Amino acid sequence: MTNAAFNAVPEKKVRRKEKRHLLPVIPAVIQVFVCKPMQGLRITRMACAKISQSPPTIGPCGKCLVGFSHGKGRIPRTWPDGSDIETSVLVVGSRT
């Protein structure tokens, strides 16, 4: 057997049909809010609570009252300055 014949890859003669959605898709609903101190970052309440429990050394998260409320399990509706907290719902994995 020659080296070229040994390393040769045979060509496929039949193409398989593309299979779609082999696994069932379970849609997920994620509720996020727009974080004002983080310049409009969309973040979940749980993630905000986790950051507020061990805030970074620099940045606005260490003194954030909304993050402190999320850490206590509360859902505040306004920022300390009185403006409303923008919330949105993301639906992931749904077939529409």
C-alpha atoms as a PDB file:
ATOM      1  CA  MET A   1       0.000   0.000   0.000  1.00  0.00           C
ATOM      2  CA  THR A   2       1.401   3.380  -0.943  1.00  0.00           C
ATOM      3  CA  ASN A   3       1.561   6.367   1.349  1.00  0.00           C
ATOM      4  CA  ALA A   4      -0.897   8.342  -0.826  1.00  0.00           C
ATOM      5  CA  ALA A   5      -3.429   5.508  -0.788  1.00  0.00           C
ATOM      6  CA  PHE A   6      -3.079   5.098   2.990  1.00  0.00           C
ATOM      7  CA  ASN A   7      -3.742   8.780   3.747  1.00  0.00           C
ATOM      8  CA  ALA A   8      -6.501   9.241   1.194  1.00  0.00           C
ATOM      9  CA  VAL A   9      -9.919  10.136   2.587  1.00  0.00           C
ATOM     10  CA  PRO A  10     -12.805   8.595   0.659  1.00  0.00           C
ATOM     11  CA  GLU A  11     -15.440  10.991  -0.630  1.00  0.00           C
ATOM     12  CA  LYS A  12     -18.942  10.684   0.710  1.00  0.00           C
ATOM     13  CA  LYS A  13     -21.381   9.740  -1.978  1.00  0.00           C
ATOM     14  CA  VAL A  14     -24.618  10.317  -0.111  1.00  0.00           C
ATOM     15  CA  ARG A  15     -25.399  13.440   1.861  1.00  0.00           C
ATOM     16  CA  ARG A  16     -27.433  12.995   4.976  1.00  0.00           C
ATOM     17  CA  LYS A  17     -30.540  15.023   5.441  1.00  0.00           C
ATOM     18  CA  GLU A  18     -30.134  17.789   7.941  1.00  0.00           C
ATOM     19  CA  LYS A  19     -32.006  16.949  11.127  1.00  0.00           C
ATOM     20  CA  ARG A  20     -33.412  19.846  13.068  1.00  0.00           C
ATOM     21  CA  HIS A  21     -34.530  20.042  16.660  1.00  0.00           C
ATOM     22  CA  LEU A  22     -33.293  16.668  17.795  1.00  0.00           C
ATOM     23  CA  LEU A  23     -33.763  17.681  21.424  1.00  0.00           C
ATOM     24  CA  PRO A  24     -36.883  19.324  22.775  1.00  0.00           C
ATOM     25  CA  VAL A  25     -36.510  23.049  23.298  1.00  0.00           C
ATOM     26  CA  ILE A  26     -37.645  24.247  26.706  1.00  0.00           C
ATOM     27  CA  PRO A  27     -38.236  27.997  26.650  1.00  0.00           C
ATOM     28  CA  ALA A  28     -36.790  30.054  29.480  1.00  0.00           C
ATOM     29  CA  VAL A  29     -38.101  33.376  30.702  1.00  0.00           C
ATOM     30  CA  ILE A  30     -35.427  35.667  32.127  1.00  0.00           C
ATOM     31  CA  GLN A  31     -36.426  38.859  33.929  1.00  0.00           C
ATOM     32  CA  VAL A  32     -33.775  41.576  33.804  1.00  0.00           C
ATOM     33  CA  PHE A  33     -33.553  45.214  34.790  1.00  0.00           C
ATOM     34  CA  VAL A  34     -31.467  48.095  33.481  1.00  0.00           C
ATOM     35  CA  CYS A  35     -28.765  48.974  36.022  1.00  0.00           C
ATOM     36  CA  LYS A  36     -28.249  52.732  36.097  1.00  0.00           C
ATOM     37  CA  PRO A  37     -24.918  52.730  37.971  1.00  0.00           C
ATOM     38  CA  MET A  38     -23.483  50.241  35.465  1.00  0.00           C
ATOM     39  CA  GLN A  39     -24.359  52.477  32.447  1.00  0.00           C
ATOM     40  CA  GLY A  40     -27.424  50.569  31.261  1.00  0.00           C
ATOM     41  CA  LEU A  41     -26.251  46.998  31.798  1.00  0.00           C
ATOM     42  CA  ARG A  42     -29.133  44.506  31.732  1.00  0.00           C
ATOM     43  CA  ILE A  43     -28.745  42.186  34.698  1.00  0.00           C
ATOM     44  CA  THR A  44     -30.920  39.754  36.646  1.00  0.00           C
ATOM     45  CA  ARG A  45     -31.906  40.455  40.232  1.00  0.00           C
ATOM     46  CA  MET A  46     -30.018  37.364  41.414  1.00  0.00           C
ATOM     47  CA  ALA A  47     -26.821  38.522  39.720  1.00  0.00           C
ATOM     48  CA  CYS A  48     -27.231  41.978  41.258  1.00  0.00           C
ATOM     49  CA  ALA A  49     -27.700  40.422  44.702  1.00  0.00           C
ATOM     50  CA  LYS A  50     -24.567  38.300  44.256  1.00  0.00           C
ATOM     51  CA  ILE A  51     -22.495  41.329  43.247  1.00  0.00           C
ATOM     52  CA  SER A  52     -23.830  43.394  46.155  1.00  0.00           C
ATOM     53  CA  GLN A  53     -22.881  40.688  48.672  1.00  0.00           C
ATOM     54  CA  SER A  54     -19.224  40.875  47.619  1.00  0.00           C
ATOM     55  CA  PRO A  55     -18.842  44.113  45.643  1.00  0.00           C
ATOM     56  CA  PRO A  56     -15.733  44.960  43.647  1.00  0.00           C
ATOM     57  CA  THR A  57     -13.232  47.279  45.304  1.00  0.00           C
ATOM     58  CA  ILE A  58     -13.882  50.056  42.799  1.00  0.00           C
ATOM     59  CA  GLY A  59     -17.121  51.009  41.137  1.00  0.00           C
ATOM     60  CA  PRO A  60     -20.703  51.856  41.961  1.00  0.00           C
ATOM     61  CA  CYS A  61     -21.814  48.424  43.238  1.00  0.00           C
ATOM     62  CA  GLY A  62     -20.381  48.812  46.747  1.00  0.00           C
ATOM     63  CA  LYS A  63     -22.768  51.605  47.747  1.00  0.00           C
ATOM     64  CA  CYS A  64     -25.784  50.660  45.602  1.00  0.00           C
ATOM     65  CA  LEU A  65     -29.010  50.638  47.629  1.00  0.00           C
ATOM     66  CA  VAL A  66     -30.874  48.707  44.931  1.00  0.00           C
ATOM     67  CA  GLY A  67     -28.263  45.954  45.049  1.00  0.00           C
ATOM     68  CA  PHE A  68     -28.539  45.899  48.830  1.00  0.00           C
ATOM     69  CA  SER A  69     -32.340  45.468  48.488  1.00  0.00           C
ATOM     70  CA  HIS A  70     -31.881  42.651  45.960  1.00  0.00           C
ATOM     71  CA  GLY A  71     -29.504  40.972  48.417  1.00  0.00           C
ATOM     72  CA  LYS A  72     -32.267  41.066  51.049  1.00  0.00           C
ATOM     73  CA  GLY A  73     -34.726  39.447  48.610  1.00  0.00           C
ATOM     74  CA  ARG A  74     -36.727  42.590  47.945  1.00  0.00           C
ATOM     75  CA  ILE A  75     -37.833  43.895  44.551  1.00  0.00           C
ATOM     76  CA  PRO A  76     -37.485  47.689  44.515  1.00  0.00           C
ATOM     77  CA  ARG A  77     -39.452  49.596  41.878  1.00  0.00           C
ATOM     78  CA  THR A  78     -37.531  52.901  41.962  1.00  0.00           C
ATOM     79  CA  TRP A  79     -33.948  54.106  42.197  1.00  0.00           C
ATOM     80  CA  PRO A  80     -32.955  56.191  45.239  1.00  0.00           C
ATOM     81  CA  ASP A  81     -33.341  59.371  43.141  1.00  0.00           C
ATOM     82  CA  GLY A  82     -37.018  58.489  42.483  1.00  0.00           C
ATOM     83  CA  SER A  83     -36.782  57.362  38.851  1.00  0.00           C
ATOM     84  CA  ASP A  84     -38.427  54.066  37.882  1.00  0.00           C
ATOM     85  CA  ILE A  85     -36.367  50.916  37.399  1.00  0.00           C
ATOM     86  CA  GLU A  86     -36.772  49.675  33.814  1.00  0.00           C
ATOM     87  CA  THR A  87     -37.481  45.956  33.621  1.00  0.00           C
ATOM     88  CA  SER A  88     -37.812  43.673  30.634  1.00  0.00           C
ATOM     89  CA  VAL A  89     -38.487  39.994  30.002  1.00  0.00           C
ATOM     90  CA  LEU A  90     -36.267  37.931  27.711  1.00  0.00           C
ATOM     91  CA  VAL A  91     -37.683  34.703  26.280  1.00  0.00           C
ATOM     92  CA  VAL A  92     -34.954  32.278  25.242  1.00  0.00           C
ATOM     93  CA  GLY A  93     -35.466  29.097  23.242  1.00  0.00           C
ATOM     94  CA  SER A  94     -39.061  29.551  22.185  1.00  0.00           C
ATOM     95  CA  ARG A  95     -40.239  28.565  18.767  1.00  0.00           C
ATOM     96  CA  THR A  96     -42.221  31.450  17.354  1.00  0.00           C
END
